[in-house]
Amino acid sequence: MVVINQDKNYKDLGGGVQRKVLAYSDNIMNVELLFEKGAKGEMHAHPHEQIGYVIAGTLIFHEEGQPDRELHTGDSYIVAPNVKHGIDCVSEVKLLDIFTPMREDFI
C-alpha cells in the first residue's frame, strides 16, 4: 500500500493542534501532527507503544518518572505503553508519531 501525504487531510483537535493519520494496519500506524507555538500535548497515557520523531521545531517533552527534556528537529522519543507523557511547544512543531498497535481512537 502507498499513501500520498498530500491526499490526506488534517483534523483540527483544537488548542493549536492538528492531526493527520497517514497509514495504518491493525499492528502499526503513523500520524503527522502540527502544533502552534505555545500549544500543548496534555499529559496522557494509552496502551500503545509510541515512537516519535521531531520533523521540525522545539518542544519540551514530559514523561512520567523522567526529567523533562528539550527536543529539537531530528530528535526522537519512545514511550512505553501506559506511561503518562505530554509536550509543550517552544516553537511551531511538526511531529511524526508511530504507534503499535494502531490507534483505533484516531480512525
C-alpha atoms as a PDB file:
ATOM      1  CA  MET A   1       0.000   0.000   0.000  1.00  0.00           C
ATOM      2  CA  VAL A   2       1.184   3.514  -0.824  1.00  0.00           C
ATOM      3  CA  VAL A   3      -0.188   6.579   0.963  1.00  0.00           C
ATOM      4  CA  ILE A   4       0.283  10.025  -0.592  1.00  0.00           C
ATOM      5  CA  ASN A   5       0.606  12.600   2.205  1.00  0.00           C
ATOM      6  CA  GLN A   6      -0.986  15.442   0.216  1.00  0.00           C
ATOM      7  CA  ASP A   7      -4.086  13.274  -0.311  1.00  0.00           C
ATOM      8  CA  LYS A   8      -4.713  13.206   3.454  1.00  0.00           C
ATOM      9  CA  ASN A   9      -6.315  15.995   5.491  1.00  0.00           C
ATOM     10  CA  TYR A  10      -5.506  17.323   8.943  1.00  0.00           C
ATOM     11  CA  LYS A  11      -8.128  17.106  11.683  1.00  0.00           C
ATOM     12  CA  ASP A  12      -8.237  20.194  13.914  1.00  0.00           C
ATOM     13  CA  LEU A  13      -8.088  18.974  17.515  1.00  0.00           C
ATOM     14  CA  GLY A  14      -8.335  22.479  18.997  1.00  0.00           C
ATOM     15  CA  GLY A  15      -5.789  24.268  21.134  1.00  0.00           C
ATOM     16  CA  GLY A  16      -3.444  24.791  18.185  1.00  0.00           C
ATOM     17  CA  VAL A  17      -3.083  21.073  17.424  1.00  0.00           C
ATOM     18  CA  GLN A  18      -3.818  19.276  14.139  1.00  0.00           C
ATOM     19  CA  ARG A  19      -3.501  15.558  13.359  1.00  0.00           C
ATOM     20  CA  LYS A  20      -3.217  13.707  10.053  1.00  0.00           C
ATOM     21  CA  VAL A  21      -3.453   9.896  10.037  1.00  0.00           C
ATOM     22  CA  LEU A  22      -1.167   8.754   7.232  1.00  0.00           C
ATOM     23  CA  ALA A  23      -1.094   4.954   7.019  1.00  0.00           C
ATOM     24  CA  TYR A  24      -2.064   2.080   9.276  1.00  0.00           C
ATOM     25  CA  SER A  25      -2.785  -1.592   9.631  1.00  0.00           C
ATOM     26  CA  ASP A  26      -4.047  -3.463  12.685  1.00  0.00           C
ATOM     27  CA  ASN A  27      -0.480  -3.610  14.010  1.00  0.00           C
ATOM     28  CA  ILE A  28       1.025  -0.186  13.293  1.00  0.00           C
ATOM     29  CA  MET A  29       0.081   3.419  12.476  1.00  0.00           C
ATOM     30  CA  ASN A  30       1.920   6.599  11.539  1.00  0.00           C
ATOM     31  CA  VAL A  31       0.492  10.029  12.245  1.00  0.00           C
ATOM     32  CA  GLU A  32       1.687  13.544  11.419  1.00  0.00           C
ATOM     33  CA  LEU A  33       0.961  16.279  13.965  1.00  0.00           C
ATOM     34  CA  LEU A  34       1.234  20.066  13.771  1.00  0.00           C
ATOM     35  CA  PHE A  35       1.402  22.242  16.885  1.00  0.00           C
ATOM     36  CA  GLU A  36       1.297  26.027  17.021  1.00  0.00           C
ATOM     37  CA  LYS A  37       3.897  27.791  19.168  1.00  0.00           C
ATOM     38  CA  GLY A  38       2.721  27.567  22.789  1.00  0.00           C
ATOM     39  CA  ALA A  39       0.397  24.609  22.126  1.00  0.00           C
ATOM     40  CA  LYS A  40       0.387  21.657  24.490  1.00  0.00           C
ATOM     41  CA  GLY A  41       0.020  17.944  24.149  1.00  0.00           C
ATOM     42  CA  GLU A  42      -1.576  17.389  27.557  1.00  0.00           C
ATOM     43  CA  MET A  43      -0.276  14.614  29.812  1.00  0.00           C
ATOM     44  CA  HIS A  44      -1.964  11.355  28.846  1.00  0.00           C
ATOM     45  CA  ALA A  45      -1.353   7.613  28.606  1.00  0.00           C
ATOM     46  CA  HIS A  46      -2.524   4.896  26.231  1.00  0.00           C
ATOM     47  CA  PRO A  47      -1.941   1.155  25.826  1.00  0.00           C
ATOM     48  CA  HIS A  48       0.051   1.648  22.608  1.00  0.00           C
ATOM     49  CA  GLU A  49       3.829   1.772  22.321  1.00  0.00           C
ATOM     50  CA  GLN A  50       4.859   5.031  20.630  1.00  0.00           C
ATOM     51  CA  ILE A  51       7.922   6.289  18.794  1.00  0.00           C
ATOM     52  CA  GLY A  52       8.059   9.943  17.799  1.00  0.00           C
ATOM     53  CA  TYR A  53      10.307  11.953  15.501  1.00  0.00           C
ATOM     54  CA  VAL A  54      10.582  15.761  15.566  1.00  0.00           C
ATOM     55  CA  ILE A  55      10.340  16.776  11.907  1.00  0.00           C
ATOM     56  CA  ALA A  56      10.627  20.472  12.772  1.00  0.00           C
ATOM     57  CA  GLY A  57      10.624  22.723  15.809  1.00  0.00           C
ATOM     58  CA  THR A  58      11.466  22.686  19.501  1.00  0.00           C
ATOM     59  CA  LEU A  59       9.417  21.204  22.334  1.00  0.00           C
ATOM     60  CA  ILE A  60       9.673  20.216  25.969  1.00  0.00           C
ATOM     61  CA  PHE A  61       8.948  16.502  26.356  1.00  0.00           C
ATOM     62  CA  HIS A  62       7.414  15.332  29.650  1.00  0.00           C
ATOM     63  CA  GLU A  63       7.386  11.669  30.661  1.00  0.00           C
ATOM     64  CA  GLU A  64       6.206  10.305  33.981  1.00  0.00           C
ATOM     65  CA  GLY A  65       9.182   9.424  36.181  1.00  0.00           C
ATOM     66  CA  GLN A  66      11.733  11.100  33.878  1.00  0.00           C
ATOM     67  CA  PRO A  67      13.245  14.601  33.807  1.00  0.00           C
ATOM     68  CA  ASP A  68      11.792  16.971  31.219  1.00  0.00           C
ATOM     69  CA  ARG A  69      13.851  17.117  28.010  1.00  0.00           C
ATOM     70  CA  GLU A  70      14.101  19.800  25.350  1.00  0.00           C
ATOM     71  CA  LEU A  71      13.841  18.162  21.914  1.00  0.00           C
ATOM     72  CA  HIS A  72      14.756  19.734  18.572  1.00  0.00           C
ATOM     73  CA  THR A  73      14.429  18.965  14.873  1.00  0.00           C
ATOM     74  CA  GLY A  74      15.798  15.470  14.252  1.00  0.00           C
ATOM     75  CA  ASP A  75      15.330  14.171  17.815  1.00  0.00           C
ATOM     76  CA  SER A  76      13.237  11.104  18.684  1.00  0.00           C
ATOM     77  CA  TYR A  77      11.460   9.651  21.704  1.00  0.00           C
ATOM     78  CA  ILE A  78       9.958   6.329  22.730  1.00  0.00           C
ATOM     79  CA  VAL A  79       7.018   5.970  25.117  1.00  0.00           C
ATOM     80  CA  ALA A  80       6.189   2.609  26.667  1.00  0.00           C
ATOM     81  CA  PRO A  81       2.538   1.541  26.909  1.00  0.00           C
ATOM     82  CA  ASN A  82       0.506   3.148  29.718  1.00  0.00           C
ATOM     83  CA  VAL A  83       3.180   5.742  30.621  1.00  0.00           C
ATOM     84  CA  LYS A  84       1.935   9.330  31.003  1.00  0.00           C
ATOM     85  CA  HIS A  85       3.579  11.799  28.635  1.00  0.00           C
ATOM     86  CA  GLY A  86       2.983  15.191  27.028  1.00  0.00           C
ATOM     87  CA  ILE A  87       4.664  18.149  25.343  1.00  0.00           C
ATOM     88  CA  ASP A  88       4.889  21.937  25.495  1.00  0.00           C
ATOM     89  CA  CYS A  89       5.783  23.589  22.184  1.00  0.00           C
ATOM     90  CA  VAL A  90       8.507  26.226  22.362  1.00  0.00           C
ATOM     91  CA  SER A  91       8.050  26.930  18.635  1.00  0.00           C
ATOM     92  CA  GLU A  92       5.805  25.645  15.875  1.00  0.00           C
ATOM     93  CA  VAL A  93       6.311  21.873  15.873  1.00  0.00           C
ATOM     94  CA  LYS A  94       5.776  19.106  13.331  1.00  0.00           C
ATOM     95  CA  LEU A  95       5.949  15.503  14.586  1.00  0.00           C
ATOM     96  CA  LEU A  96       5.711  12.035  13.130  1.00  0.00           C
ATOM     97  CA  ASP A  97       4.321   9.562  15.682  1.00  0.00           C
ATOM     98  CA  ILE A  98       4.241   5.811  15.147  1.00  0.00           C
ATOM     99  CA  PHE A  99       2.019   3.592  17.283  1.00  0.00           C
ATOM    100  CA  THR A 100       1.761  -0.140  17.768  1.00  0.00           C
ATOM    101  CA  PRO A 101      -0.833  -1.443  17.676  1.00  0.00           C
ATOM    102  CA  MET A 102      -2.721   1.145  15.647  1.00  0.00           C
ATOM    103  CA  ARG A 103      -4.830   3.762  17.459  1.00  0.00           C
ATOM    104  CA  GLU A 104      -8.445   2.826  16.757  1.00  0.00           C
ATOM    105  CA  ASP A 105      -9.494   6.027  18.545  1.00  0.00           C
ATOM    106  CA  PHE A 106      -7.840   8.051  15.745  1.00  0.00           C
ATOM    107  CA  ILE A 107      -9.978   6.499  12.997  1.00  0.00           C
END
